[in-house]
PDB file of N, CA and C in Angstrom:
ATOM      1  N   MET A   1     107.541 175.600  66.458  1.00  0.00           N
ATOM      2  CA  MET A   1     108.232 176.067  66.863  1.00  0.00           C
ATOM      3  C   MET A   1     107.522 177.695  65.790  1.00  0.00           C
ATOM      4  N   ALA A   2     107.545 177.259  64.729  1.00  0.00           N
ATOM      5  CA  ALA A   2     107.422 177.858  63.160  1.00  0.00           C
ATOM      6  C   ALA A   2     105.587 178.437  63.007  1.00  0.00           C
ATOM      7  N   MET A   3     105.039 177.597  64.380  1.00  0.00           N
ATOM      8  CA  MET A   3     103.827 177.696  64.116  1.00  0.00           C
ATOM      9  C   MET A   3     103.654 179.882  64.800  1.00  0.00           C
ATOM     10  N   TRP A   4     104.463 178.524  66.085  1.00  0.00           N
ATOM     11  CA  TRP A   4     103.368 180.014  66.813  1.00  0.00           C
ATOM     12  C   TRP A   4     104.458 181.285  66.891  1.00  0.00           C
ATOM     13  N   TRP A   5     105.055 181.724  65.708  1.00  0.00           N
ATOM     14  CA  TRP A   5     106.171 182.893  65.670  1.00  0.00           C
ATOM     15  C   TRP A   5     105.724 183.987  66.505  1.00  0.00           C
ATOM     16  N   ASP A   6     104.526 184.147  66.248  1.00  0.00           N
ATOM     17  CA  ASP A   6     104.559 185.562  66.854  1.00  0.00           C
ATOM     18  C   ASP A   6     104.011 185.275  68.039  1.00  0.00           C
ATOM     19  N   SER A   7     103.785 184.822  68.344  1.00  0.00           N
ATOM     20  CA  SER A   7     103.353 184.464  69.999  1.00  0.00           C
ATOM     21  C   SER A   7     105.639 184.606  70.699  1.00  0.00           C
ATOM     22  N   ILE A   8     105.595 184.111  69.909  1.00  0.00           N
ATOM     23  CA  ILE A   8     107.162 183.395  70.387  1.00  0.00           C
ATOM     24  C   ILE A   8     107.697 185.572  69.991  1.00  0.00           C
ATOM     25  N   ARG A   9     107.895 185.461  69.240  1.00  0.00           N
ATOM     26  CA  ARG A   9     108.213 187.263  69.734  1.00  0.00           C
ATOM     27  C   ARG A   9     107.061 188.299  70.082  1.00  0.00           C
ATOM     28  N   ASP A  10     106.361 187.841  70.431  1.00  0.00           N
ATOM     29  CA  ASP A  10     105.588 189.222  71.534  1.00  0.00           C
ATOM     30  C   ASP A  10     105.769 188.223  72.976  1.00  0.00           C
ATOM     31  N   GLU A  11     106.355 187.400  73.179  1.00  0.00           N
ATOM     32  CA  GLU A  11     106.449 187.421  74.877  1.00  0.00           C
ATOM     33  C   GLU A  11     107.885 187.370  75.054  1.00  0.00           C
ATOM     34  N   LEU A  12     109.412 187.835  73.585  1.00  0.00           N
ATOM     35  CA  LEU A  12     109.922 187.427  73.345  1.00  0.00           C
ATOM     36  C   LEU A  12     110.618 188.671  74.233  1.00  0.00           C
ATOM     37  N   LEU A  13     109.956 189.791  73.748  1.00  0.00           N
ATOM     38  CA  LEU A  13     110.164 191.653  73.344  1.00  0.00           C
ATOM     39  C   LEU A  13     109.133 192.020  74.127  1.00  0.00           C
ATOM     40  N   SER A  14     108.953 191.378  75.209  1.00  0.00           N
ATOM     41  CA  SER A  14     107.810 191.960  76.407  1.00  0.00           C
ATOM     42  C   SER A  14     108.892 191.017  77.507  1.00  0.00           C
ATOM     43  N   CYS A  15     109.531 190.115  77.503  1.00  0.00           N
ATOM     44  CA  CYS A  15     110.876 189.639  78.560  1.00  0.00           C
ATOM     45  C   CYS A  15     110.197 189.105  79.499  1.00  0.00           C
ATOM     46  N   SER A  16     109.252 188.277  78.607  1.00  0.00           N
ATOM     47  CA  SER A  16     108.148 187.582  79.600  1.00  0.00           C
ATOM     48  C   SER A  16     108.136 185.884  79.092  1.00  0.00           C
ATOM     49  N   MET A  17     109.203 185.687  78.185  1.00  0.00           N
ATOM     50  CA  MET A  17     109.751 184.290  77.636  1.00  0.00           C
ATOM     51  C   MET A  17     111.366 184.255  78.241  1.00  0.00           C
ATOM     52  N   PRO A  18     111.895 183.307  79.409  1.00  0.00           N
ATOM     53  CA  PRO A  18     111.088 182.340  79.617  1.00  0.00           C
ATOM     54  C   PRO A  18     110.648 183.082  81.106  1.00  0.00           C
ATOM     55  N   PRO A  19     109.149 182.430  81.795  1.00  0.00           N
ATOM     56  CA  PRO A  19     108.289 182.667  82.398  1.00  0.00           C
ATOM     57  C   PRO A  19     109.422 183.612  83.999  1.00  0.00           C
ATOM     58  N   ARG A  20     109.339 184.063  85.080  1.00  0.00           N
ATOM     59  CA  ARG A  20     109.839 184.347  85.636  1.00  0.00           C
ATOM     60  C   ARG A  20     109.542 183.578  86.419  1.00  0.00           C
ATOM     61  N   GLY A  21     110.240 183.706  87.694  1.00  0.00           N
ATOM     62  CA  GLY A  21     110.515 182.187  88.255  1.00  0.00           C
ATOM     63  C   GLY A  21     111.191 180.477  87.255  1.00  0.00           C
ATOM     64  N   SER A  22     111.551 181.467  86.041  1.00  0.00           N
ATOM     65  CA  SER A  22     112.025 179.891  85.664  1.00  0.00           C
ATOM     66  C   SER A  22     113.595 178.898  85.952  1.00  0.00           C
ATOM     67  N   ARG A  23     113.864 178.237  85.985  1.00  0.00           N
ATOM     68  CA  ARG A  23     115.312 177.913  85.860  1.00  0.00           C
ATOM     69  C   ARG A  23     115.901 178.443  84.108  1.00  0.00           C
ATOM     70  N   VAL A  24     115.383 177.938  83.261  1.00  0.00           N
ATOM     71  CA  VAL A  24     115.505 178.392  82.153  1.00  0.00           C
ATOM     72  C   VAL A  24     116.186 180.101  82.258  1.00  0.00           C
ATOM     73  N   THR A  25     116.884 180.624  81.617  1.00  0.00           N
ATOM     74  CA  THR A  25     116.806 182.215  80.706  1.00  0.00           C
ATOM     75  C   THR A  25     117.702 182.003  79.839  1.00  0.00           C
ATOM     76  N   LEU A  26     117.370 183.381  79.190  1.00  0.00           N
ATOM     77  CA  LEU A  26     118.063 183.743  78.238  1.00  0.00           C
ATOM     78  C   LEU A  26     118.977 185.128  78.924  1.00  0.00           C
ATOM     79  N   ARG A  27     120.647 184.700  77.462  1.00  0.00           N
ATOM     80  CA  ARG A  27     121.371 185.793  77.587  1.00  0.00           C
ATOM     81  C   ARG A  27     120.179 186.330  76.146  1.00  0.00           C
ATOM     82  N   ASP A  28     120.380 188.003  76.471  1.00  0.00           N
ATOM     83  CA  ASP A  28     120.265 188.965  75.562  1.00  0.00           C
ATOM     84  C   ASP A  28     120.932 189.134  74.097  1.00  0.00           C
ATOM     85  N   GLU A  29     121.970 187.975  73.255  1.00  0.00           N
ATOM     86  CA  GLU A  29     122.269 187.494  72.955  1.00  0.00           C
ATOM     87  C   GLU A  29     121.823 186.452  72.338  1.00  0.00           C
ATOM     88  N   GLU A  30     120.937 184.833  73.194  1.00  0.00           N
ATOM     89  CA  GLU A  30     120.604 184.354  72.805  1.00  0.00           C
ATOM     90  C   GLU A  30     118.707 184.859  72.088  1.00  0.00           C
ATOM     91  N   ARG A  31     118.292 185.598  73.150  1.00  0.00           N
ATOM     92  CA  ARG A  31     116.374 186.466  72.821  1.00  0.00           C
ATOM     93  C   ARG A  31     117.023 186.777  71.236  1.00  0.00           C
ATOM     94  N   GLU A  32     117.469 187.970  70.748  1.00  0.00           N
ATOM     95  CA  GLU A  32     118.464 188.493  69.847  1.00  0.00           C
ATOM     96  C   GLU A  32     118.916 187.810  68.357  1.00  0.00           C
ATOM     97  N   ARG A  33     119.544 186.275  69.094  1.00  0.00           N
ATOM     98  CA  ARG A  33     119.080 185.222  67.579  1.00  0.00           C
ATOM     99  C   ARG A  33     118.177 184.573  67.074  1.00  0.00           C
ATOM    100  N   ILE A  34     116.826 183.981  68.267  1.00  0.00           N
ATOM    101  CA  ILE A  34     115.673 183.769  67.985  1.00  0.00           C
ATOM    102  C   ILE A  34     114.454 184.650  67.149  1.00  0.00           C
ATOM    103  N   LEU A  35     115.238 186.240  67.986  1.00  0.00           N
ATOM    104  CA  LEU A  35     113.943 187.222  66.651  1.00  0.00           C
ATOM    105  C   LEU A  35     114.288 187.408  64.957  1.00  0.00           C
ATOM    106  N   LEU A  36     115.907 187.189  65.275  1.00  0.00           N
ATOM    107  CA  LEU A  36     116.194 187.167  64.152  1.00  0.00           C
ATOM    108  C   LEU A  36     115.931 186.098  63.476  1.00  0.00           C
ATOM    109  N   TRP A  37     115.677 185.074  64.350  1.00  0.00           N
ATOM    110  CA  TRP A  37     115.250 183.546  63.262  1.00  0.00           C
ATOM    111  C   TRP A  37     114.147 183.178  62.707  1.00  0.00           C
ATOM    112  N   ILE A  38     113.095 184.847  63.861  1.00  0.00           N
ATOM    113  CA  ILE A  38     111.702 184.856  63.573  1.00  0.00           C
ATOM    114  C   ILE A  38     111.853 185.617  62.312  1.00  0.00           C
ATOM    115  N   ARG A  39     112.702 186.739  62.312  1.00  0.00           N
ATOM    116  CA  ARG A  39     112.637 187.734  61.045  1.00  0.00           C
ATOM    117  C   ARG A  39     112.732 187.233  59.584  1.00  0.00           C
ATOM    118  N   CYS A  40     114.528 186.280  59.820  1.00  0.00           N
ATOM    119  CA  CYS A  40     114.495 186.063  59.136  1.00  0.00           C
ATOM    120  C   CYS A  40     113.774 185.184  58.022  1.00  0.00           C
ATOM    121  N   GLY A  41     112.734 184.214  58.409  1.00  0.00           N
ATOM    122  CA  GLY A  41     111.885 183.125  57.809  1.00  0.00           C
ATOM    123  C   GLY A  41     112.564 181.658  58.491  1.00  0.00           C
ATOM    124  N   PHE A  42     112.597 181.591  59.335  1.00  0.00           N
ATOM    125  CA  PHE A  42     112.486 180.291  60.032  1.00  0.00           C
ATOM    126  C   PHE A  42     113.035 179.699  59.329  1.00  0.00           C
ATOM    127  N   PRO A  43     114.997 179.568  58.585  1.00  0.00           N
ATOM    128  CA  PRO A  43     115.634 178.784  58.520  1.00  0.00           C
ATOM    129  C   PRO A  43     116.261 178.146  58.886  1.00  0.00           C
ATOM    130  N   GLU A  44     116.885 176.509  58.408  1.00  0.00           N
ATOM    131  CA  GLU A  44     116.985 175.732  58.991  1.00  0.00           C
ATOM    132  C   GLU A  44     118.110 175.630  59.523  1.00  0.00           C
TER     133      GLU A  44
END
């Protein structure tokens, strides 16, 4: 995932991840947690 951080960030910020019609959903808190993980340099 770390290799695609910029694409993941862009998709999350545009609310297009996960895709519409997907059975998977993200709550705002989950979206923020992923964005924070990217911002902090992908800590394990």
